[in-house]
């Protein structure tokens, strides 16, 4: 499902060299390592947000190495959720569908469905600044999932949450993983993914 072969990337004093990874459909893989080890950079390379120096990225049998981000079957959830502050919850979730030129009635139906599944349908008219950390996370996750990615990339998605919200989010991610999506979850805390991951890789140690 996801094959990273001999990835190489260099920026400043950081140099990633010879990184390879093979994930099957439905795998939940924890990518562990200390700060500065390049975990987030690996996610951004897979998503197409950075350009490889060498190597290849194959997703579902298709070479995506040279494809722009919007053409890769990948969703990425950043640590700070990266919601648009000037857009409502509905508008945030709908945005990736709008840039793909989906019809308005289809956008509305899709957004409502995902918002309901993630229990944020009552917040559709609210702005991100008025949401709790857990609500922001669910909106960002809905926005990531509406395009039906084959691979979901998570950049420390639980680090900003307090203990009760973290427990809720673990259950939510477990539910998402049971849909068969392939997940790569970046963290520096092994305990964070003990309940979630069936595989783990450590870099920079």
N, C-alpha and C. Protein backbone atom coordinates (compact mmCIF):
# COMPACT_ATOMS: atom_id res chain seq x y z
N UNK A 1 0.84 -1.21 0.00
CA UNK A 1 0.00 0.00 0.00
C UNK A 1 0.87 1.26 0.00
N UNK A 2 1.82 1.34 0.96
CA UNK A 2 2.75 2.47 0.99
C UNK A 2 4.17 1.94 0.99
N UNK A 3 4.90 2.32 -0.04
CA UNK A 3 6.30 1.91 -0.17
C UNK A 3 7.17 3.15 -0.33
N UNK A 4 8.03 3.36 0.64
CA UNK A 4 9.05 4.42 0.56
C UNK A 4 10.39 3.72 0.36
N UNK A 5 11.06 4.08 -0.72
CA UNK A 5 12.30 3.36 -1.06
C UNK A 5 13.48 4.33 -1.09
N UNK A 6 14.40 4.17 -0.14
CA UNK A 6 15.68 4.89 -0.12
C UNK A 6 15.48 6.41 -0.23
N UNK A 7 14.62 6.95 0.62
CA UNK A 7 14.36 8.39 0.57
C UNK A 7 15.58 9.17 1.06
N UNK A 8 15.90 10.22 0.31
CA UNK A 8 16.99 11.12 0.71
C UNK A 8 16.51 12.56 0.58
N UNK A 9 16.81 13.34 1.62
CA UNK A 9 16.40 14.74 1.65
C UNK A 9 17.38 15.49 2.55
N UNK A 10 17.69 16.71 2.15
CA UNK A 10 18.61 17.52 2.94
C UNK A 10 18.11 18.94 3.04
N UNK A 11 18.11 19.49 4.25
CA UNK A 11 17.77 20.89 4.48
C UNK A 11 18.61 21.39 5.66
N UNK A 12 19.35 22.46 5.45
CA UNK A 12 20.24 22.97 6.49
C UNK A 12 21.22 21.90 6.92
N UNK A 13 21.28 21.65 8.23
CA UNK A 13 22.20 20.64 8.75
C UNK A 13 21.54 19.26 8.84
N UNK A 14 20.25 19.19 8.50
CA UNK A 14 19.54 17.92 8.59
C UNK A 14 19.70 17.14 7.28
N UNK A 15 19.98 15.85 7.42
CA UNK A 15 20.15 15.00 6.25
C UNK A 15 19.47 13.66 6.50
N UNK A 16 18.41 13.40 5.75
CA UNK A 16 17.75 12.09 5.77
C UNK A 16 18.32 11.28 4.61
N UNK A 17 18.77 10.07 4.92
CA UNK A 17 19.41 9.28 3.88
C UNK A 17 19.03 7.81 4.02
N UNK A 18 18.59 7.22 2.91
CA UNK A 18 18.33 5.78 2.88
C UNK A 18 17.13 5.33 3.70
N UNK A 19 16.13 6.21 3.86
CA UNK A 19 14.96 5.81 4.65
C UNK A 19 14.00 4.99 3.77
N UNK A 20 13.65 3.81 4.25
CA UNK A 20 12.72 2.95 3.53
C UNK A 20 11.63 2.46 4.48
N UNK A 21 10.45 2.22 3.92
CA UNK A 21 9.30 1.82 4.72
C UNK A 21 8.32 1.07 3.83
N UNK A 22 7.77 -0.02 4.34
CA UNK A 22 6.72 -0.76 3.62
C UNK A 22 5.55 -0.96 4.57
N UNK A 23 4.38 -0.43 4.20
CA UNK A 23 3.16 -0.62 4.99
C UNK A 23 2.10 -1.28 4.12
N UNK A 24 1.36 -2.21 4.72
CA UNK A 24 0.27 -2.87 4.03
C UNK A 24 -1.04 -2.13 4.33
N UNK A 25 -2.06 -2.40 3.54
CA UNK A 25 -3.36 -1.80 3.78
C UNK A 25 -3.84 -2.16 5.18
N UNK A 26 -4.28 -1.14 5.91
CA UNK A 26 -4.80 -1.35 7.25
C UNK A 26 -3.76 -1.30 8.35
N UNK A 27 -2.48 -1.21 7.99
CA UNK A 27 -1.44 -1.07 9.01
C UNK A 27 -1.59 0.25 9.76
N UNK A 28 -1.32 0.20 11.06
CA UNK A 28 -1.22 1.42 11.87
C UNK A 28 0.20 1.42 12.41
N UNK A 29 1.04 2.26 11.83
CA UNK A 29 2.47 2.26 12.14
C UNK A 29 2.85 3.51 12.92
N UNK A 30 3.50 3.31 14.05
CA UNK A 30 4.03 4.41 14.83
C UNK A 30 5.45 4.73 14.36
N UNK A 31 5.69 5.99 14.05
CA UNK A 31 7.03 6.44 13.68
C UNK A 31 7.58 7.21 14.87
N UNK A 32 8.50 6.57 15.59
CA UNK A 32 9.01 7.10 16.85
C UNK A 32 10.39 7.73 16.66
N UNK A 33 10.71 8.68 17.55
CA UNK A 33 12.02 9.29 17.50
C UNK A 33 12.03 10.61 18.24
N UNK A 34 13.20 11.07 18.67
CA UNK A 34 13.30 12.34 19.40
C UNK A 34 13.05 13.53 18.50
N UNK A 35 12.83 14.68 19.10
CA UNK A 35 12.68 15.92 18.34
C UNK A 35 13.91 16.15 17.48
N UNK A 36 13.67 16.57 16.24
CA UNK A 36 14.77 16.85 15.33
C UNK A 36 15.26 15.65 14.54
N UNK A 37 14.61 14.49 14.73
CA UNK A 37 15.06 13.29 14.03
C UNK A 37 14.51 13.17 12.62
N UNK A 38 13.56 14.05 12.27
CA UNK A 38 13.06 14.07 10.90
C UNK A 38 11.72 13.40 10.70
N UNK A 39 11.01 13.12 11.79
CA UNK A 39 9.73 12.41 11.67
C UNK A 39 8.72 13.21 10.84
N UNK A 40 8.56 14.48 11.15
CA UNK A 40 7.60 15.32 10.42
C UNK A 40 8.02 15.50 8.97
N UNK A 41 9.31 15.63 8.74
CA UNK A 41 9.82 15.76 7.37
C UNK A 41 9.46 14.54 6.54
N UNK A 42 9.54 13.35 7.12
CA UNK A 42 9.16 12.14 6.40
C UNK A 42 7.70 12.19 5.99
N UNK A 43 6.82 12.63 6.91
CA UNK A 43 5.41 12.78 6.56
C UNK A 43 5.23 13.75 5.40
N UNK A 44 5.93 14.88 5.47
CA UNK A 44 5.78 15.90 4.43
C UNK A 44 6.33 15.44 3.09
N UNK A 45 7.35 14.60 3.10
CA UNK A 45 7.86 14.01 1.86
C UNK A 45 6.83 13.07 1.24
N UNK A 46 6.20 12.25 2.09
CA UNK A 46 5.18 11.32 1.60
C UNK A 46 3.98 12.08 1.04
N UNK A 47 3.63 13.17 1.70
CA UNK A 47 2.48 13.97 1.27
C UNK A 47 2.78 14.84 0.06
N UNK A 48 4.05 14.99 -0.28
CA UNK A 48 4.43 15.82 -1.42
C UNK A 48 4.63 17.28 -1.07
N UNK A 49 4.73 17.59 0.21
CA UNK A 49 4.92 18.97 0.64
C UNK A 49 6.39 19.37 0.60
N UNK A 50 7.27 18.40 0.47
CA UNK A 50 8.69 18.63 0.26
C UNK A 50 9.14 17.78 -0.92
N UNK A 51 10.21 18.20 -1.56
CA UNK A 51 10.69 17.50 -2.76
C UNK A 51 11.90 16.64 -2.42
N UNK A 52 11.80 15.37 -2.74
CA UNK A 52 12.89 14.44 -2.49
C UNK A 52 14.14 14.78 -3.29
N UNK A 53 15.29 14.50 -2.70
CA UNK A 53 16.54 14.56 -3.45
C UNK A 53 16.73 13.26 -4.23
N UNK A 54 16.42 12.14 -3.56
CA UNK A 54 16.49 10.82 -4.19
C UNK A 54 15.42 9.94 -3.56
N UNK A 55 15.12 8.83 -4.24
CA UNK A 55 14.19 7.86 -3.70
C UNK A 55 12.85 7.87 -4.41
N UNK A 56 11.96 6.99 -3.98
CA UNK A 56 10.65 6.90 -4.61
C UNK A 56 9.58 6.59 -3.57
N UNK A 57 8.36 7.03 -3.88
CA UNK A 57 7.21 6.82 -3.02
C UNK A 57 6.11 6.19 -3.86
N UNK A 58 5.72 4.98 -3.50
CA UNK A 58 4.69 4.23 -4.22
C UNK A 58 3.49 4.08 -3.29
N UNK A 59 2.31 4.46 -3.76
CA UNK A 59 1.09 4.32 -2.97
C UNK A 59 0.07 3.53 -3.77
N UNK A 60 -0.36 2.43 -3.20
CA UNK A 60 -1.34 1.56 -3.85
C UNK A 60 -0.90 1.18 -5.26
N UNK A 61 0.38 0.89 -5.41
CA UNK A 61 0.94 0.45 -6.68
C UNK A 61 1.25 1.55 -7.67
N UNK A 62 0.99 2.81 -7.31
CA UNK A 62 1.22 3.93 -8.22
C UNK A 62 2.40 4.77 -7.75
N UNK A 63 3.28 5.09 -8.66
CA UNK A 63 4.44 5.92 -8.33
C UNK A 63 3.98 7.37 -8.15
N UNK A 64 4.07 7.85 -6.92
CA UNK A 64 3.61 9.21 -6.60
C UNK A 64 4.77 10.17 -6.38
N UNK A 65 5.98 9.73 -6.66
CA UNK A 65 7.17 10.51 -6.32
C UNK A 65 7.13 11.93 -6.88
N UNK A 66 6.63 12.08 -8.10
CA UNK A 66 6.64 13.38 -8.76
C UNK A 66 5.27 14.05 -8.77
N UNK A 67 4.28 13.43 -8.15
CA UNK A 67 2.93 14.01 -8.15
C UNK A 67 2.83 15.16 -7.14
N UNK A 68 2.07 16.21 -7.47
CA UNK A 68 1.83 17.28 -6.49
C UNK A 68 0.93 16.76 -5.36
N UNK A 69 0.92 17.46 -4.23
CA UNK A 69 0.17 16.97 -3.06
C UNK A 69 -1.30 16.65 -3.35
N UNK A 70 -1.97 17.52 -4.12
CA UNK A 70 -3.40 17.34 -4.34
C UNK A 70 -3.74 16.12 -5.19
N UNK A 71 -2.73 15.53 -5.83
CA UNK A 71 -2.98 14.35 -6.66
C UNK A 71 -2.52 13.06 -5.98
N UNK A 72 -2.06 13.17 -4.75
CA UNK A 72 -1.66 11.97 -4.01
C UNK A 72 -2.82 11.51 -3.13
N UNK A 73 -3.03 10.20 -3.02
CA UNK A 73 -4.13 9.69 -2.20
C UNK A 73 -3.75 9.66 -0.72
N UNK A 74 -3.39 10.83 -0.23
CA UNK A 74 -2.82 10.98 1.11
C UNK A 74 -3.53 12.10 1.85
N UNK A 75 -3.79 11.89 3.13
CA UNK A 75 -4.28 12.96 4.00
C UNK A 75 -3.29 13.16 5.13
N UNK A 76 -3.05 14.40 5.53
CA UNK A 76 -2.10 14.68 6.60
C UNK A 76 -2.76 15.57 7.65
N UNK A 77 -2.61 15.17 8.91
CA UNK A 77 -3.15 15.93 10.03
C UNK A 77 -1.98 16.47 10.84
N UNK A 78 -1.85 17.79 10.86
CA UNK A 78 -0.71 18.41 11.53
C UNK A 78 -0.95 18.55 13.03
N UNK A 79 0.13 18.72 13.75
CA UNK A 79 0.08 18.81 15.21
C UNK A 79 -0.81 19.97 15.67
N UNK A 80 -0.75 21.11 14.96
CA UNK A 80 -1.55 22.28 15.35
C UNK A 80 -2.89 22.33 14.62
N UNK A 81 -3.20 21.28 13.85
CA UNK A 81 -4.46 21.09 13.13
C UNK A 81 -4.61 21.99 11.91
N UNK A 82 -3.94 23.15 11.88
CA UNK A 82 -3.90 24.01 10.68
C UNK A 82 -5.28 24.34 10.12
N UNK A 83 -6.24 24.61 11.00
CA UNK A 83 -7.56 25.03 10.54
C UNK A 83 -7.51 26.48 10.06
N UNK A 84 -8.36 26.81 9.09
CA UNK A 84 -8.43 28.18 8.61
C UNK A 84 -9.28 29.00 9.59
N UNK A 85 -8.69 29.98 10.26
CA UNK A 85 -9.41 30.70 11.33
C UNK A 85 -10.58 31.53 10.83
N UNK A 86 -10.55 31.93 9.54
CA UNK A 86 -11.61 32.78 8.99
C UNK A 86 -12.74 31.97 8.38
N UNK A 87 -12.66 30.64 8.45
CA UNK A 87 -13.69 29.77 7.90
C UNK A 87 -14.44 29.05 9.01
N UNK A 88 -15.72 28.82 8.79
CA UNK A 88 -16.52 28.05 9.75
C UNK A 88 -16.09 26.58 9.70
N UNK A 89 -16.62 25.81 10.65
CA UNK A 89 -16.34 24.37 10.65
C UNK A 89 -16.76 23.74 9.32
N UNK A 90 -17.95 24.07 8.86
CA UNK A 90 -18.42 23.54 7.58
C UNK A 90 -17.46 23.92 6.46
N UNK A 91 -17.06 25.16 6.40
CA UNK A 91 -16.19 25.64 5.32
C UNK A 91 -14.82 24.98 5.38
N UNK A 92 -14.30 24.75 6.60
CA UNK A 92 -13.01 24.08 6.73
C UNK A 92 -13.07 22.67 6.17
N UNK A 93 -14.13 21.93 6.53
CA UNK A 93 -14.24 20.56 6.08
C UNK A 93 -14.49 20.50 4.57
N UNK A 94 -15.23 21.45 4.06
CA UNK A 94 -15.59 21.46 2.64
C UNK A 94 -14.44 21.89 1.74
N UNK A 95 -13.48 22.61 2.27
CA UNK A 95 -12.42 23.23 1.45
C UNK A 95 -11.73 22.26 0.49
N UNK A 96 -11.25 21.07 0.96
CA UNK A 96 -10.56 20.19 0.00
C UNK A 96 -11.48 19.66 -1.09
N UNK A 97 -12.78 19.61 -0.83
CA UNK A 97 -13.73 19.18 -1.86
C UNK A 97 -13.97 20.28 -2.88
N UNK A 98 -13.98 21.52 -2.39
CA UNK A 98 -14.18 22.65 -3.28
C UNK A 98 -13.02 22.81 -4.27
N UNK A 99 -11.80 22.62 -3.80
CA UNK A 99 -10.66 22.77 -4.70
C UNK A 99 -10.59 21.62 -5.70
N UNK A 100 -11.31 20.54 -5.41
CA UNK A 100 -11.41 19.43 -6.36
C UNK A 100 -12.63 19.58 -7.26
N UNK A 101 -13.31 20.73 -7.17
CA UNK A 101 -14.44 21.09 -8.05
C UNK A 101 -15.64 20.15 -7.90
N UNK A 102 -15.85 19.64 -6.71
CA UNK A 102 -17.02 18.80 -6.49
C UNK A 102 -18.28 19.67 -6.49
N UNK A 103 -19.40 19.10 -6.91
CA UNK A 103 -20.66 19.84 -6.94
C UNK A 103 -21.12 20.20 -5.53
N UNK A 104 -21.77 21.35 -5.42
CA UNK A 104 -22.14 21.88 -4.10
C UNK A 104 -23.01 20.92 -3.30
N UNK A 105 -23.98 20.28 -3.98
CA UNK A 105 -24.86 19.37 -3.24
C UNK A 105 -24.10 18.14 -2.74
N UNK A 106 -23.10 17.69 -3.51
CA UNK A 106 -22.27 16.57 -3.10
C UNK A 106 -21.37 16.97 -1.94
N UNK A 107 -20.85 18.20 -2.00
CA UNK A 107 -20.02 18.70 -0.91
C UNK A 107 -20.81 18.73 0.39
N UNK A 108 -22.00 19.29 0.33
CA UNK A 108 -22.82 19.39 1.55
C UNK A 108 -23.12 18.01 2.12
N UNK A 109 -23.49 17.07 1.27
CA UNK A 109 -23.82 15.72 1.72
C UNK A 109 -22.60 15.05 2.36
N UNK A 110 -21.46 15.22 1.74
CA UNK A 110 -20.24 14.59 2.25
C UNK A 110 -19.81 15.20 3.57
N UNK A 111 -19.84 16.53 3.66
CA UNK A 111 -19.44 17.22 4.88
C UNK A 111 -20.35 16.83 6.04
N UNK A 112 -21.65 16.85 5.80
CA UNK A 112 -22.62 16.50 6.85
C UNK A 112 -22.40 15.07 7.34
N UNK A 113 -22.11 14.17 6.42
CA UNK A 113 -21.90 12.77 6.78
C UNK A 113 -20.68 12.61 7.68
N UNK A 114 -19.56 13.22 7.30
CA UNK A 114 -18.34 13.09 8.11
C UNK A 114 -18.48 13.82 9.43
N UNK A 115 -19.12 14.97 9.44
CA UNK A 115 -19.33 15.72 10.68
C UNK A 115 -20.17 14.91 11.65
N UNK A 116 -21.17 14.21 11.13
CA UNK A 116 -22.01 13.38 11.97
C UNK A 116 -21.21 12.20 12.54
N UNK A 117 -20.42 11.56 11.69
CA UNK A 117 -19.61 10.42 12.13
C UNK A 117 -18.64 10.82 13.24
N UNK A 118 -18.12 12.04 13.17
CA UNK A 118 -17.13 12.50 14.14
C UNK A 118 -17.75 13.35 15.25
N UNK A 119 -19.08 13.40 15.29
CA UNK A 119 -19.82 14.06 16.37
C UNK A 119 -19.51 15.56 16.47
N UNK A 120 -19.41 16.22 15.31
CA UNK A 120 -19.20 17.67 15.31
C UNK A 120 -20.26 18.37 14.46
N UNK A 121 -21.34 17.65 14.11
CA UNK A 121 -22.35 18.23 13.24
C UNK A 121 -23.06 19.42 13.86
N UNK A 122 -23.10 19.49 15.19
CA UNK A 122 -23.75 20.63 15.85
C UNK A 122 -22.87 21.88 15.86
N UNK A 123 -21.64 21.76 15.40
CA UNK A 123 -20.70 22.89 15.42
C UNK A 123 -20.47 23.50 14.04
N UNK A 124 -21.27 23.15 13.06
CA UNK A 124 -20.98 23.50 11.66
C UNK A 124 -20.83 24.99 11.42
N UNK A 125 -21.56 25.82 12.16
CA UNK A 125 -21.51 27.27 11.93
C UNK A 125 -20.49 27.99 12.80
N UNK A 126 -19.82 27.27 13.67
CA UNK A 126 -18.87 27.90 14.59
C UNK A 126 -17.52 28.14 13.90
N UNK A 127 -16.74 29.05 14.47
CA UNK A 127 -15.41 29.35 13.97
C UNK A 127 -14.39 28.58 14.80
N UNK A 128 -13.25 28.23 14.23
CA UNK A 128 -12.26 27.44 14.95
C UNK A 128 -11.83 28.03 16.29
N UNK A 129 -11.78 29.35 16.38
CA UNK A 129 -11.34 29.98 17.62
C UNK A 129 -12.25 29.73 18.80
N UNK A 130 -13.48 29.30 18.54
CA UNK A 130 -14.43 29.06 19.62
C UNK A 130 -14.50 27.58 20.02
N UNK A 131 -13.67 26.74 19.41
CA UNK A 131 -13.71 25.30 19.65
C UNK A 131 -12.69 24.87 20.69
N UNK A 132 -12.97 23.77 21.36
CA UNK A 132 -12.00 23.16 22.27
C UNK A 132 -10.94 22.42 21.46
N UNK A 133 -9.88 21.99 22.13
CA UNK A 133 -8.82 21.26 21.44
C UNK A 133 -9.32 19.99 20.79
N UNK A 134 -10.17 19.26 21.50
CA UNK A 134 -10.71 18.02 20.94
C UNK A 134 -11.61 18.27 19.76
N UNK A 135 -12.40 19.35 19.81
CA UNK A 135 -13.28 19.69 18.69
C UNK A 135 -12.47 20.11 17.47
N UNK A 136 -11.41 20.88 17.70
CA UNK A 136 -10.55 21.27 16.58
C UNK A 136 -9.93 20.05 15.92
N UNK A 137 -9.51 19.10 16.74
CA UNK A 137 -8.90 17.90 16.19
C UNK A 137 -9.89 17.14 15.31
N UNK A 138 -11.15 17.04 15.75
CA UNK A 138 -12.15 16.32 14.98
C UNK A 138 -12.47 17.03 13.66
N UNK A 139 -12.50 18.36 13.70
CA UNK A 139 -12.73 19.12 12.46
C UNK A 139 -11.57 18.88 11.49
N UNK A 140 -10.35 18.96 12.00
CA UNK A 140 -9.19 18.74 11.14
C UNK A 140 -9.17 17.32 10.58
N UNK A 141 -9.58 16.35 11.41
CA UNK A 141 -9.62 14.97 10.95
C UNK A 141 -10.69 14.78 9.88
N UNK A 142 -11.85 15.41 10.09
CA UNK A 142 -12.91 15.34 9.08
C UNK A 142 -12.43 15.94 7.76
N UNK A 143 -11.77 17.10 7.83
CA UNK A 143 -11.26 17.75 6.62
C UNK A 143 -10.25 16.85 5.90
N UNK A 144 -9.49 16.09 6.66
CA UNK A 144 -8.49 15.19 6.07
C UNK A 144 -9.14 13.97 5.44
N UNK A 145 -10.21 13.46 6.06
CA UNK A 145 -10.81 12.21 5.61
C UNK A 145 -11.83 12.36 4.49
N UNK A 146 -12.35 13.58 4.27
CA UNK A 146 -13.42 13.74 3.27
C UNK A 146 -12.98 13.39 1.86
N UNK A 147 -11.69 13.41 1.60
CA UNK A 147 -11.20 13.07 0.25
C UNK A 147 -10.89 11.58 0.13
N UNK A 148 -11.23 10.81 1.17
CA UNK A 148 -11.04 9.36 1.16
C UNK A 148 -9.60 8.97 0.84
N UNK A 149 -8.64 9.45 1.63
CA UNK A 149 -7.25 9.09 1.36
C UNK A 149 -6.99 7.61 1.62
N UNK A 150 -6.05 7.05 0.90
CA UNK A 150 -5.65 5.66 1.14
C UNK A 150 -4.65 5.58 2.28
N UNK A 151 -3.92 6.69 2.49
CA UNK A 151 -2.92 6.76 3.55
C UNK A 151 -3.20 8.00 4.39
N UNK A 152 -3.22 7.83 5.72
CA UNK A 152 -3.43 8.94 6.65
C UNK A 152 -2.15 9.15 7.44
N UNK A 153 -1.64 10.39 7.38
CA UNK A 153 -0.41 10.76 8.07
C UNK A 153 -0.76 11.65 9.26
N UNK A 154 -0.32 11.26 10.45
CA UNK A 154 -0.65 11.96 11.68
C UNK A 154 0.61 12.49 12.33
N UNK A 155 0.70 13.80 12.52
CA UNK A 155 1.88 14.42 13.11
C UNK A 155 1.60 14.78 14.57
N UNK A 156 1.93 13.87 15.47
CA UNK A 156 1.71 14.06 16.91
C UNK A 156 0.32 14.62 17.20
N UNK A 157 -0.73 13.94 16.78
CA UNK A 157 -2.09 14.50 16.88
C UNK A 157 -2.63 14.57 18.30
N UNK A 158 -1.98 13.89 19.26
CA UNK A 158 -2.50 13.86 20.62
C UNK A 158 -1.72 14.74 21.58
N UNK A 159 -0.63 15.33 21.12
CA UNK A 159 0.29 16.01 22.03
C UNK A 159 -0.30 17.25 22.68
N UNK A 160 -1.26 17.91 22.00
CA UNK A 160 -1.81 19.17 22.54
C UNK A 160 -3.04 18.95 23.43
N UNK A 161 -3.42 17.70 23.65
CA UNK A 161 -4.65 17.40 24.37
C UNK A 161 -4.38 16.99 25.81
N UNK A 162 -5.30 17.34 26.71
CA UNK A 162 -5.17 16.86 28.08
C UNK A 162 -5.62 15.40 28.16
N UNK A 163 -5.43 14.77 29.31
CA UNK A 163 -5.61 13.32 29.44
C UNK A 163 -7.00 12.82 29.02
N UNK A 164 -8.11 13.43 29.49
CA UNK A 164 -9.43 12.91 29.08
C UNK A 164 -9.65 13.01 27.57
N UNK A 165 -9.26 14.14 26.97
CA UNK A 165 -9.43 14.30 25.53
C UNK A 165 -8.51 13.36 24.75
N UNK A 166 -7.34 13.12 25.33
CA UNK A 166 -6.41 12.20 24.68
C UNK A 166 -7.01 10.79 24.61
N UNK A 167 -7.63 10.37 25.69
CA UNK A 167 -8.25 9.04 25.72
C UNK A 167 -9.37 8.95 24.68
N UNK A 168 -10.18 10.02 24.57
CA UNK A 168 -11.25 10.05 23.58
C UNK A 168 -10.68 9.98 22.16
N UNK A 169 -9.59 10.70 21.94
CA UNK A 169 -9.00 10.75 20.61
C UNK A 169 -8.37 9.41 20.22
N UNK A 170 -7.80 8.71 21.20
CA UNK A 170 -7.26 7.37 20.92
C UNK A 170 -8.38 6.45 20.43
N UNK A 171 -9.53 6.51 21.08
CA UNK A 171 -10.66 5.69 20.65
C UNK A 171 -11.14 6.09 19.26
N UNK A 172 -11.13 7.41 18.98
CA UNK A 172 -11.53 7.90 17.67
C UNK A 172 -10.57 7.39 16.59
N UNK A 173 -9.27 7.47 16.84
CA UNK A 173 -8.29 7.01 15.86
C UNK A 173 -8.38 5.50 15.66
N UNK A 174 -8.69 4.79 16.72
CA UNK A 174 -8.89 3.35 16.61
C UNK A 174 -10.06 3.05 15.67
N UNK A 175 -11.13 3.82 15.82
CA UNK A 175 -12.31 3.66 14.96
C UNK A 175 -11.95 3.96 13.50
N UNK A 176 -11.20 5.02 13.28
CA UNK A 176 -10.78 5.37 11.92
C UNK A 176 -9.92 4.26 11.31
N UNK A 177 -9.02 3.71 12.11
CA UNK A 177 -8.11 2.68 11.60
C UNK A 177 -8.86 1.41 11.21
N UNK A 178 -10.00 1.18 11.84
CA UNK A 178 -10.78 -0.03 11.55
C UNK A 178 -11.49 0.05 10.20
N UNK A 179 -11.44 1.20 9.54
CA UNK A 179 -12.03 1.33 8.20
C UNK A 179 -11.11 0.74 7.13
N UNK A 180 -9.89 0.37 7.52
CA UNK A 180 -8.95 -0.22 6.57
C UNK A 180 -7.94 0.75 5.99
N UNK A 181 -8.00 2.01 6.43
CA UNK A 181 -7.03 3.01 5.97
C UNK A 181 -5.66 2.70 6.56
N UNK A 182 -4.61 3.00 5.82
CA UNK A 182 -3.24 2.81 6.29
C UNK A 182 -2.79 4.09 6.99
N UNK A 183 -2.27 3.95 8.21
CA UNK A 183 -1.94 5.12 9.04
C UNK A 183 -0.48 5.10 9.45
N UNK A 184 0.16 6.26 9.30
CA UNK A 184 1.52 6.48 9.82
C UNK A 184 1.44 7.60 10.84
N UNK A 185 1.73 7.29 12.09
CA UNK A 185 1.50 8.18 13.22
C UNK A 185 2.85 8.56 13.84
N UNK A 186 3.21 9.82 13.71
CA UNK A 186 4.47 10.33 14.27
C UNK A 186 4.27 10.68 15.74
N UNK A 187 5.20 10.23 16.59
CA UNK A 187 5.15 10.56 18.00
C UNK A 187 6.55 10.37 18.59
N UNK A 188 6.77 10.93 19.77
CA UNK A 188 7.99 10.64 20.51
C UNK A 188 7.68 9.84 21.76
N UNK A 189 6.39 9.48 21.92
CA UNK A 189 5.91 8.82 23.12
C UNK A 189 5.34 7.45 22.76
N UNK A 190 6.07 6.39 23.10
CA UNK A 190 5.65 5.04 22.74
C UNK A 190 4.31 4.68 23.38
N UNK A 191 4.08 5.18 24.60
CA UNK A 191 2.84 4.85 25.30
C UNK A 191 1.63 5.40 24.56
N UNK A 192 1.81 6.49 23.81
CA UNK A 192 0.71 7.15 23.11
C UNK A 192 0.05 6.23 22.08
N UNK A 193 0.82 5.34 21.49
CA UNK A 193 0.30 4.53 20.39
C UNK A 193 0.25 3.04 20.74
N UNK A 194 0.47 2.71 22.00
CA UNK A 194 0.49 1.29 22.39
C UNK A 194 -0.82 0.60 22.05
N UNK A 195 -1.93 1.31 22.22
CA UNK A 195 -3.26 0.75 21.98
C UNK A 195 -3.62 0.78 20.49
N UNK A 196 -2.88 1.57 19.71
CA UNK A 196 -3.26 1.82 18.33
C UNK A 196 -2.43 1.06 17.30
N UNK A 197 -1.13 1.08 17.48
CA UNK A 197 -0.22 0.64 16.42
C UNK A 197 -0.01 -0.88 16.41
N UNK A 198 0.00 -1.46 15.22
CA UNK A 198 0.40 -2.85 15.07
C UNK A 198 1.85 -2.98 14.61
N UNK A 199 2.45 -1.80 14.29
CA UNK A 199 3.86 -1.77 13.90
C UNK A 199 4.49 -0.50 14.45
N UNK A 200 5.80 -0.52 14.62
CA UNK A 200 6.50 0.71 14.99
C UNK A 200 7.90 0.72 14.41
N UNK A 201 8.34 1.94 14.09
CA UNK A 201 9.68 2.17 13.55
C UNK A 201 10.29 3.32 14.34
N UNK A 202 11.53 3.19 14.72
CA UNK A 202 12.22 4.24 15.46
C UNK A 202 13.36 4.79 14.62
N UNK A 203 13.41 6.12 14.52
CA UNK A 203 14.51 6.75 13.79
C UNK A 203 15.26 7.71 14.71
N UNK A 204 16.49 8.01 14.34
CA UNK A 204 17.25 9.02 15.06
C UNK A 204 17.67 8.62 16.46
N UNK A 205 17.70 7.32 16.75
CA UNK A 205 18.09 6.91 18.10
C UNK A 205 19.46 6.25 18.08
